[in-house]
Protein backbone atom coordinates (compact mmCIF):
# COMPACT_ATOMS: atom_id res chain seq x y z
CA MET A 1 25.78 -20.53 2.12
CA ILE A 2 26.28 -16.85 2.93
CA ASP A 3 29.81 -16.90 1.70
CA ARG A 4 28.80 -18.73 -1.47
CA VAL A 5 26.08 -16.09 -2.34
CA GLN A 6 28.49 -13.30 -1.63
CA GLN A 7 31.18 -14.83 -3.76
CA HIS A 8 28.65 -15.18 -6.66
CA ILE A 9 27.75 -11.55 -6.29
CA ARG A 10 31.44 -10.51 -6.50
CA GLU A 11 31.95 -12.61 -9.56
CA HIS A 12 29.10 -11.29 -11.47
CA ALA A 13 28.43 -7.82 -10.19
CA ALA A 14 30.46 -6.09 -12.98
CA SER A 15 28.22 -7.70 -15.66
CA TRP A 16 25.13 -6.52 -13.86
CA GLY A 17 26.43 -2.93 -13.60
CA VAL A 18 26.65 -3.02 -9.83
CA GLU A 19 29.80 -1.39 -8.34
CA LEU A 20 31.32 -3.10 -5.32
CA PRO A 21 34.28 -2.26 -3.11
CA ALA A 22 37.55 -4.08 -4.04
CA SER A 23 37.96 -6.18 -0.91
CA ALA A 24 35.62 -5.29 1.91
CA ARG A 25 32.73 -7.77 2.61
CA LEU A 26 29.19 -6.73 1.89
CA ARG A 27 26.70 -6.37 4.75
CA MET A 28 23.51 -8.43 4.65
CA LEU A 29 20.01 -7.73 6.06
CA LEU A 30 17.30 -10.44 6.05
CA ARG A 31 13.51 -9.73 5.48
CA ALA A 32 10.60 -11.58 7.08
CA ASN A 33 9.68 -14.74 5.37
CA PRO A 34 5.95 -14.92 4.46
CA GLU A 35 6.04 -18.64 3.60
CA ASN A 36 7.18 -19.39 7.22
CA ASP A 37 4.96 -16.64 8.75
CA GLY A 38 7.91 -15.35 10.79
CA ILE A 39 11.50 -13.96 10.79
CA VAL A 40 14.18 -15.96 9.07
CA ARG A 41 16.95 -16.32 11.54
CA GLU A 42 19.30 -18.42 9.44
CA ILE A 43 19.99 -18.16 5.79
CA ALA A 44 22.32 -21.09 5.58
CA ALA A 45 19.42 -23.56 5.28
CA GLY A 46 18.36 -21.87 2.05
CA GLN A 47 14.69 -21.59 3.08
CA VAL A 48 12.29 -20.78 0.31
CA GLY A 49 11.30 -17.16 0.47
CA THR A 50 14.46 -15.97 2.22
CA LEU A 51 15.19 -12.48 0.88
CA ALA A 52 18.50 -10.85 1.57
CA PHE A 53 19.45 -7.20 1.00
CA TRP A 54 23.14 -6.61 0.32
CA PHE A 55 24.82 -3.32 1.36
CA ARG A 56 28.22 -1.88 0.61
CA PRO A 57 30.22 -1.36 3.84
CA HIS A 58 29.29 2.20 4.50
CA ASP A 59 25.98 2.60 2.48
CA THR A 60 22.53 2.93 4.06
CA LYS A 61 20.73 1.68 0.92
CA PRO A 62 21.10 -1.80 -0.57
CA CYS A 63 22.97 -2.29 -3.82
CA LEU A 64 21.09 -5.54 -4.80
CA VAL A 65 18.79 -8.26 -3.48
CA SER A 66 18.99 -12.04 -3.49
CA LYS A 67 16.15 -14.51 -2.98
CA PHE A 68 16.02 -18.20 -2.51
CA VAL A 69 13.12 -19.68 -4.59
CA GLY A 70 11.55 -23.17 -4.41
CA ALA A 71 11.35 -25.81 -7.16
CA SER A 72 7.93 -24.57 -8.19
CA LEU A 73 9.51 -21.34 -9.44
CA THR A 74 11.42 -22.68 -12.48
CA ALA A 75 13.93 -20.87 -14.60
CA GLU A 76 11.36 -20.76 -17.42
CA ALA A 77 8.70 -19.23 -15.09
CA ILE A 78 11.20 -16.57 -13.94
CA ALA A 79 12.13 -15.82 -17.57
CA GLU A 80 8.37 -15.43 -18.59
CA CYS A 81 7.83 -13.12 -15.55
CA THR A 82 10.88 -11.13 -16.48
CA ASN A 83 9.84 -10.75 -20.15
CA LEU A 84 6.32 -9.51 -19.20
CA GLN A 85 7.79 -7.10 -16.64
CA GLU A 86 10.16 -5.67 -19.20
CA SER A 87 7.35 -5.32 -21.68
CA ALA A 88 5.29 -3.50 -19.13
CA ASN A 89 8.20 -1.25 -18.19
CA GLU A 90 8.47 -0.27 -21.89
CA LYS A 91 4.76 0.43 -22.18
CA LEU A 92 4.82 2.57 -19.04
CA GLY A 93 7.88 4.47 -20.11
CA TYR A 94 9.64 3.96 -16.75
CA ARG A 95 10.81 1.02 -14.63
CA LEU A 96 7.93 -0.13 -12.44
CA PHE A 97 9.40 -3.59 -12.00
CA PRO A 98 12.92 -4.12 -10.69
CA ARG A 99 15.54 -5.59 -13.01
CA ILE A 100 16.29 -9.26 -12.71
CA TYR A 101 20.10 -9.71 -12.95
CA SER A 102 20.32 -13.50 -13.06
CA ILE A 103 19.27 -16.88 -11.71
CA ALA A 104 21.94 -19.17 -10.36
CA GLU A 105 22.30 -22.52 -8.60
CA VAL A 106 24.31 -21.74 -5.49
CA GLY A 107 25.07 -24.89 -3.84
CA SER A 108 21.85 -26.95 -3.97
CA HIS A 109 19.58 -23.87 -4.02
CA ARG A 110 18.07 -21.67 -6.82
CA VAL A 111 18.77 -18.01 -6.03
CA VAL A 112 17.48 -14.99 -7.95
CA PHE A 113 19.59 -11.86 -7.99
CA MET A 114 17.68 -8.59 -8.62
CA GLU A 115 17.81 -4.80 -8.48
CA ALA A 116 17.23 -3.43 -4.95
CA VAL A 117 14.09 -1.20 -4.50
CA ASP A 118 14.50 0.70 -1.33
CA GLY A 119 12.65 3.39 0.51
CA PRO A 120 9.44 3.99 2.51
CA ASN A 121 6.55 2.06 0.97
CA TYR A 122 3.04 3.39 0.73
CA GLU A 123 1.88 1.88 4.03
CA ILE A 124 4.84 3.50 5.82
CA GLN A 125 3.88 6.84 4.31
CA LEU A 126 0.29 6.31 5.30
CA ALA A 127 1.30 5.41 8.93
CA ARG A 128 3.39 8.54 9.12
CA ALA A 129 0.58 10.67 7.94
CA VAL A 130 -1.73 9.20 10.65
CA HIS A 131 0.65 8.56 13.52
CA GLY A 132 4.03 10.21 12.82
CA PRO A 133 5.22 13.64 14.10
CA GLU A 134 4.18 15.12 10.80
CA ARG A 135 0.69 13.72 11.08
CA SER A 136 -2.18 15.89 9.81
CA THR A 137 -5.32 15.77 7.70
CA ARG A 138 -3.31 17.51 4.98
CA ALA A 139 -0.55 14.90 5.03
CA LEU A 140 -3.10 12.09 4.92
CA GLU A 141 -4.86 13.73 1.91
CA ARG A 142 -1.59 14.07 0.13
CA VAL A 143 -0.58 10.43 0.66
CA VAL A 144 -4.00 8.96 -0.24
CA ALA A 145 -4.08 10.99 -3.47
CA GLN A 146 -0.50 9.93 -4.39
CA VAL A 147 -1.23 6.21 -3.78
CA PHE A 148 -4.33 6.07 -5.96
CA GLN A 149 -3.02 8.32 -8.61
CA GLU A 150 0.26 6.49 -9.04
CA LEU A 151 -1.22 3.00 -8.81
CA GLY A 152 -4.09 3.89 -11.06
CA THR A 153 -1.66 5.15 -13.68
CA ALA A 154 0.40 1.97 -13.39
CA LEU A 155 -2.57 -0.32 -13.65
CA ARG A 156 -3.91 1.49 -16.70
CA GLY A 157 -0.60 0.93 -18.39
CA LEU A 158 -0.55 -2.79 -17.50
CA HIS A 159 -4.01 -3.12 -19.06
CA ALA A 160 -2.30 -2.31 -22.36
CA VAL A 161 -0.11 -5.45 -21.95
CA THR A 162 -2.90 -7.76 -23.22
CA LEU A 163 -2.50 -11.56 -22.97
CA SER A 164 -5.65 -12.63 -24.81
CA GLY A 165 -7.66 -10.91 -27.53
CA ALA A 166 -11.03 -12.49 -26.81
CA PRO A 167 -13.21 -10.96 -24.11
CA VAL A 168 -13.73 -13.16 -20.97
CA LYS A 169 -16.29 -13.26 -18.14
CA TRP A 170 -15.50 -13.57 -14.42
CA GLY A 171 -18.85 -14.62 -12.97
CA ALA A 172 -18.11 -18.24 -12.81
CA GLN A 173 -14.82 -17.73 -10.95
CA ALA A 174 -16.54 -15.32 -8.50
CA THR A 175 -19.23 -18.08 -7.93
CA ASP A 176 -16.48 -20.61 -7.24
CA TYR A 177 -14.78 -18.29 -4.80
CA ALA A 178 -18.00 -17.78 -2.93
CA ARG A 179 -18.77 -21.61 -2.61
CA ARG A 180 -15.14 -22.26 -1.50
CA PHE A 181 -15.52 -19.50 1.09
CA LEU A 182 -18.69 -21.13 2.51
CA LYS A 183 -16.77 -24.46 2.90
CA LEU A 184 -13.89 -22.84 4.72
CA CYS A 185 -16.20 -20.58 6.73
CA PRO A 186 -19.34 -22.49 7.67
CA GLU A 187 -20.28 -19.65 10.10
CA ALA A 188 -21.35 -17.65 6.99
CA GLY A 189 -23.66 -20.39 5.74
CA GLY A 190 -26.78 -18.64 6.79
CA ILE A 191 -25.56 -15.33 5.45
CA VAL A 192 -24.51 -15.91 1.90
CA SER A 193 -27.30 -17.56 -0.10
CA GLU A 194 -27.16 -19.19 -3.56
CA ALA A 195 -29.52 -16.50 -4.78
CA SER A 196 -27.12 -13.70 -3.76
CA ILE A 197 -24.23 -15.64 -5.36
CA ALA A 198 -26.14 -15.93 -8.61
CA ALA A 199 -27.14 -12.25 -8.63
CA THR A 200 -23.60 -11.25 -8.14
CA ALA A 201 -22.44 -13.45 -11.08
CA ASP A 202 -25.05 -11.97 -13.36
CA LEU A 203 -23.91 -8.41 -12.68
CA ILE A 204 -20.29 -9.42 -13.19
CA ASP A 205 -20.97 -11.31 -16.44
CA ALA A 206 -22.71 -8.22 -17.86
CA VAL A 207 -19.17 -6.67 -18.29
CA ALA A 208 -16.76 -8.02 -20.93
CA LEU A 209 -13.21 -8.13 -19.67
CA ARG A 210 -9.78 -8.55 -21.16
CA GLU A 211 -6.88 -10.64 -19.83
CA HIS A 212 -3.81 -8.46 -19.21
CA PHE A 213 -0.64 -8.30 -17.17
CA VAL A 214 -1.32 -7.79 -13.44
CA LEU A 215 0.41 -6.70 -10.24
CA THR A 216 0.79 -10.03 -8.27
CA GLU A 217 0.71 -8.33 -4.78
CA ASP A 218 -2.32 -6.53 -3.51
CA HIS A 219 -1.07 -4.82 -0.42
CA ILE A 220 0.40 -1.27 -0.48
CA THR A 221 3.33 -2.54 1.59
CA ASN A 222 4.74 -3.98 -1.64
CA TYR A 223 4.84 -0.72 -3.47
CA LEU A 224 6.93 2.40 -3.25
CA PRO A 225 6.34 5.92 -4.63
CA GLY A 226 6.87 6.18 -8.34
CA PRO A 227 5.27 3.56 -8.07
CA ARG A 228 7.94 0.87 -7.80
CA ALA A 229 7.00 -2.74 -7.28
CA VAL A 230 9.00 -5.39 -5.38
CA ASP A 231 9.38 -9.08 -5.85
CA GLN A 232 6.70 -10.01 -8.41
CA LEU A 233 7.87 -13.51 -9.41
CA VAL A 234 5.30 -16.27 -9.40
CA PRO A 235 5.26 -19.92 -10.85
CA ASP A 236 2.44 -19.38 -13.33
CA ILE A 237 2.07 -15.66 -14.23
CA ARG A 238 -0.30 -16.30 -17.22
CA GLY A 239 -2.58 -18.41 -15.06
CA LEU A 240 -2.65 -15.67 -12.54
CA CYS A 241 -3.54 -12.98 -15.12
CA ALA A 242 -6.35 -15.30 -16.42
CA ARG A 243 -7.87 -15.44 -12.88
CA TRP A 244 -7.73 -11.66 -12.43
CA PRO A 245 -9.01 -10.04 -15.72
CA GLY A 246 -10.17 -6.52 -16.23
CA PRO A 247 -10.62 -4.49 -13.01
CA VAL A 248 -10.10 -7.45 -10.57
CA ASP A 249 -6.43 -6.78 -9.86
CA GLY A 250 -7.10 -3.12 -9.07
CA LEU A 251 -10.07 -4.01 -6.80
CA ARG A 252 -7.85 -6.41 -4.85
CA MET A 253 -5.55 -3.51 -4.05
CA LEU A 254 -8.57 -1.30 -3.15
CA VAL A 255 -9.91 -3.87 -0.69
CA ALA A 256 -6.41 -4.26 0.86
CA PHE A 257 -6.12 -0.51 1.22
CA PHE A 258 -9.35 -0.04 3.07
CA ARG A 259 -8.38 -2.89 5.45
CA ALA A 260 -4.92 -1.38 6.11
CA SER A 261 -4.39 -0.49 9.71
CA PRO A 262 -3.40 3.11 9.34
CA ILE A 263 -6.48 4.12 7.27
CA ARG A 264 -8.59 2.40 9.90
CA GLN A 265 -7.16 4.53 12.62
CA ALA A 266 -7.60 7.82 10.65
CA PHE A 267 -11.39 7.58 11.12
CA ALA A 268 -13.70 7.49 14.04
CA ASP A 269 -16.06 4.49 14.20
CA TYR A 270 -14.49 3.04 11.00
CA ASP A 271 -16.15 0.26 9.02
CA TRP A 272 -14.03 -0.57 5.99
CA LEU A 273 -16.79 -1.99 3.87
CA ASP A 274 -19.14 0.89 4.45
CA ALA A 275 -16.28 3.31 3.80
CA LEU A 276 -15.47 1.61 0.53
CA ALA A 277 -19.11 1.46 -0.54
CA SER A 278 -19.57 5.19 0.15
CA CYS A 279 -16.92 6.01 -2.46
CA LEU A 280 -18.74 4.29 -5.33
CA ALA A 281 -21.33 7.02 -6.02
CA LYS A 282 -20.51 9.15 -9.04
CA GLU A 283 -21.94 12.28 -7.32
CA GLY A 284 -21.68 12.40 -3.56
CA ARG A 285 -18.74 11.85 -1.33
CA ILE A 286 -16.16 14.44 -2.10
CA ASP A 287 -13.38 14.14 0.35
CA LEU A 288 -9.77 13.00 0.77
CA VAL A 289 -10.69 9.34 0.13
CA GLY A 290 -13.79 9.42 -2.12
CA THR A 291 -12.34 11.50 -4.98
CA PRO A 292 -9.11 9.62 -5.46
CA VAL A 293 -10.95 6.32 -5.24
CA ARG A 294 -13.32 7.25 -7.96
CA ARG A 295 -10.48 8.38 -10.25
CA PHE A 296 -8.75 5.10 -9.50
CA LEU A 297 -11.88 3.25 -10.52
CA ASP A 298 -11.81 5.14 -13.85
CA ASP A 299 -8.20 4.10 -14.37
CA ILE A 300 -8.98 0.36 -13.93
CA GLY A 301 -11.86 0.40 -16.46
CA LEU A 302 -15.02 1.02 -14.32
CA LYS A 303 -15.70 4.64 -15.40
CA SER A 304 -19.18 3.83 -16.73
CA ALA A 305 -20.09 1.01 -14.33
CA THR A 306 -22.84 1.64 -11.71
CA ALA A 307 -22.05 1.32 -7.97
CA GLN A 308 -24.09 -1.91 -8.01
CA THR A 309 -21.92 -3.43 -10.65
CA ILE A 310 -18.72 -2.31 -9.00
CA TRP A 311 -19.91 -3.86 -5.68
CA ALA A 312 -20.49 -7.16 -7.40
CA PHE A 313 -16.88 -7.22 -8.43
CA VAL A 314 -15.81 -6.14 -4.87
CA THR A 315 -17.91 -9.10 -3.51
CA GLY A 316 -16.13 -11.56 -5.66
CA VAL A 317 -12.75 -10.10 -4.70
CA PHE A 318 -13.75 -10.28 -1.01
CA PHE A 319 -14.43 -13.93 -1.27
CA MET A 320 -11.19 -14.50 -3.09
CA ARG A 321 -9.20 -12.65 -0.47
CA ALA A 322 -11.01 -14.39 2.32
CA ILE A 323 -10.13 -17.74 0.94
CA GLN A 324 -6.43 -16.91 0.71
CA GLU A 325 -6.27 -15.82 4.26
CA LEU A 326 -8.37 -18.66 5.74
CA GLU A 327 -6.33 -21.24 3.85
CA PHE A 328 -3.05 -19.66 4.89
CA HIS A 329 -4.01 -19.67 8.53
CA ALA A 330 -5.94 -23.01 8.56
CA ASP A 331 -3.61 -24.58 11.06
CA ASN A 332 -2.97 -21.43 13.00
CA ALA A 333 -4.43 -20.59 16.47
CA ILE A 334 -6.23 -17.57 15.05
CA ALA A 335 -8.22 -19.56 12.45
CA GLY A 336 -11.42 -19.56 14.53
CA ARG A 337 -11.19 -15.82 15.11
CA LEU A 338 -10.62 -15.29 11.44
CA ARG A 339 -13.71 -17.35 10.48
CA ASN A 340 -15.93 -15.29 12.82
CA GLU A 341 -14.39 -12.07 11.44
CA PHE A 342 -14.96 -12.93 7.86
CA ALA A 343 -18.50 -14.13 8.59
CA GLY A 344 -19.19 -10.65 9.93
CA TYR A 345 -17.64 -9.08 6.82
CA ALA A 346 -19.77 -11.38 4.67
CA ARG A 347 -22.89 -10.15 6.32
CA ASP A 348 -21.95 -6.56 5.59
CA VAL A 349 -21.04 -7.42 1.93
CA ILE A 350 -24.49 -8.93 1.34
CA ARG A 351 -26.27 -6.04 3.26
CA ILE A 352 -24.60 -3.39 1.11
CA GLY A 353 -25.22 -5.38 -2.11
CA ASP A 354 -28.93 -5.54 -1.22
CA GLU A 355 -29.01 -1.77 -0.59
CA LEU A 356 -27.38 -1.13 -3.92
CA ARG A 357 -30.10 -3.17 -5.69
CA ILE A 358 -32.52 -0.61 -4.37
CA SER A 359 -30.29 2.28 -5.31
CA PRO A 360 -27.82 1.05 -8.15
CA ASP A 361 -26.15 4.49 -8.42
CA GLY A 362 -25.00 4.35 -4.79
CA SER A 363 -26.82 7.55 -3.63
CA ARG A 364 -27.92 5.68 -0.49
CA ARG A 365 -24.36 4.88 0.51
CA LEU A 366 -23.12 8.36 1.44
CA ALA A 367 -23.12 8.15 5.17
CA VAL A 368 -19.50 7.50 6.24
CA SER A 369 -17.25 7.65 9.27
CA ARG A 370 -15.84 11.11 10.00
CA LEU A 371 -12.09 11.74 10.06
CA ASP A 372 -10.57 11.69 13.63
CA LYS A 373 -9.15 15.13 13.44
CA ASP A 374 -8.07 15.11 17.08
CA GLN A 375 -5.84 12.12 16.20
CA LEU A 376 -4.61 13.55 12.94
CA ASP A 377 -4.15 17.27 13.75
CA GLY A 378 -4.00 17.40 17.54
CA GLU A 379 -3.18 20.83 18.72
CA PHE A 380 -3.00 21.99 15.10
CA ARG A 381 -6.68 21.13 14.24
CA ASP A 382 -7.73 24.79 14.32
CA ARG A 383 -4.80 26.07 12.20
CA ASP A 384 -7.12 27.63 9.60
CA HIS A 385 -8.89 29.78 12.12
CA ALA A 386 -7.87 33.46 12.38
CA ASP A 387 -7.26 33.31 16.15
CA PHE A 388 -5.02 30.20 15.95
CA HIS A 389 -1.54 30.76 17.48
CA TYR A 390 1.07 28.47 15.90
CA SER A 391 3.43 26.75 18.30
CA PRO A 392 5.98 24.03 17.27
CA ASN A 393 5.75 22.39 20.58
CA THR A 394 3.15 20.31 22.40
CA ARG A 395 -0.53 21.10 23.21
CA VAL A 396 0.47 21.78 26.83
CA PHE A 397 2.95 24.48 25.86
CA SER A 398 0.34 25.99 23.47
CA GLU A 399 -2.13 26.23 26.40
CA LEU A 400 0.51 27.82 28.60
CA ILE A 401 1.50 30.39 26.11
CA ARG A 402 -2.10 31.61 25.95
CA TRP A 403 -1.80 32.84 29.53
CA LEU A 404 1.55 34.55 29.42
CA PRO A 405 1.62 38.32 29.95
CA PRO A 406 0.88 40.33 26.73
CA ALA A 407 4.52 41.39 26.27
CA LEU A 408 5.77 37.72 26.22
CA ARG A 409 3.03 36.75 23.90
CA ILE A 410 4.04 39.48 21.30
CA HIS A 411 7.57 38.23 21.63
CA HIS A 412 6.41 34.71 20.84
CA ARG A 413 4.43 35.87 17.81
CA ILE A 414 7.25 37.91 16.38
CA ARG A 415 9.66 34.97 16.75
CA GLU A 416 7.30 32.58 15.03
CA ARG A 417 5.82 34.78 12.33
CA HIS A 418 8.74 37.04 11.53
CA PRO A 419 11.82 34.91 12.16
CA ARG A 420 14.15 37.14 10.10
CA LEU A 421 13.14 40.29 11.94
CA TYR A 422 13.49 38.42 15.23
CA ARG A 423 17.02 37.23 14.36
CA ALA A 424 18.07 40.76 13.23
CA VAL A 425 16.89 42.31 16.49
CA ARG A 426 18.57 39.61 18.48
CA ARG A 427 21.89 40.36 16.63
CA ILE A 428 21.46 44.14 17.16
CA LEU A 429 20.81 43.61 20.85
CA GLY A 430 23.80 41.31 21.07
CA LEU A 431 26.06 43.82 19.57
CA ALA A 432 24.75 46.42 21.89
CA ARG A 433 25.44 44.28 25.01
CA GLY A 434 28.96 43.53 23.78
CA ALA A 435 29.60 47.25 23.30
CA LEU A 436 28.29 48.05 26.72
CA ARG A 437 30.58 45.31 28.21
CA ARG A 438 33.63 46.74 26.55
CA LEU A 439 32.79 50.26 27.75
CA SER A 440 32.31 49.03 31.35
CA ARG A 441 35.77 47.41 31.36
CA ARG A 442 37.57 50.81 30.55
C-alpha cells in the first residue's frame, strides 16, 4: 500500500504544483490515529484515519499529506467540505484551510491528498510558554493573546459564510444534550435538575442565531499560528453547522482551551470552570487571560450578552463535549473515572449558573486562581525590580554570583549589560598580552 500511495503521488504531483525529486523515494511519517485511540504502526492495512506526512529526502518539512478515509466520507461529502473551505478562504482573504489536491481510490481504499500544514501548533506554543526554557509570564501572555486574537478573527470571518437565512434557536439541542449526559453519567442525576435544564434553555432561546460555516475541531492542537487549520473533513458538514449555530463553535474552543493541560499548570489551585466564569464580566478581570477572552467573545457574537446568558451557552457546550468523551471512552477502562470527573464538573457548572442568576453581569465571579509565577518565571520573577541582577544561567548560579567579591560582580555586570564594551576590552587586553609575549621572546 505504501508503494501504491507513493506511486500515485509521483504521477500527480506536477498537476498539484508539488515539486518532487526525480528518482529518490519520499520519506513518510505516520501520525496518531484518533479512531483507534493509539499509534498506527502499519499503513498497509489502510486503516481509517491513518494520516501520513510525506517528505522529500533531505527536507525537514512535509511536502504533502495523505489520509485514508472510511466509506462514510464520500467523494460528494469531501467536495462539499472543499467548496465551503474555499469559500471561507476567499472571505477571510487568506488560506485558513489547506488545499485538497485530489481524492483517489488506491487499491481498495479511498485516500485524500492535501496540502501539508506544518509547524508548532497553539498547544505546543502554550506548553513552551509554561514549561519550556523560554517560559515566562510575558511569553504566556503573548501566546494567549495570539491564540484568541487569531481564532477570534477567523471565526468572525466564518460567520459571514452563512448557510441559512432564517434565525434559529439552540435551546432544544442544549436540552437534548443535557438529558443524554444524564443517561451516560447517572452520577450527575442528583446534580442537574429539570428546572436548571429548562432555565438554561430559556436563556439560550432569548438569542436568535444564524447557521454558518464552522471549524470542526475544538482543540487548539488542531490549529497553527495564522491561524491555519488541519484536517477539517467530515461526512455531513451542513448537519454539523446546523448543530453549532452562532457562538456555539467558538465556545467549544473556549472550553477546550481552559481544559488544556498547559493552561492548568500555569495557575496555582486552578479550577477551569471558575477560571472561565471569571472572564465573563464586562468590567473586572483585566489580566493575561480575561482581556483576550472578552475580545474573543465579542468576535463570536456575544458582545452585548450578559455573563448569565454566556454561561447558559457554556453549559450546553459542556454537556455536548461531555457526551462526546463519555461515548468515545464507553468501553475504556477510564470510563468510570470520567463519569465521576464529569459529575464533579456538572456540580460546578450548575453552581456557577445559580450564582450568575443572582448577579447576571458576572461581578460576583471575579475571584480567580493566581498565576504560578515561580513556575513561569523562576529565577527571573523579579526582573522588573531595580536590584535584579540578570543571569542567563540557573537560579543556583544567580545566588552564588550575589556573594562573589565586588570586583568580580562588577566584571559580571559589565559583561552582561555592556557586551560590546566587554568584548572591546577583551580584545585590547588580548593584543596587549600578545605584544608582551613577543617582547619577552627577544
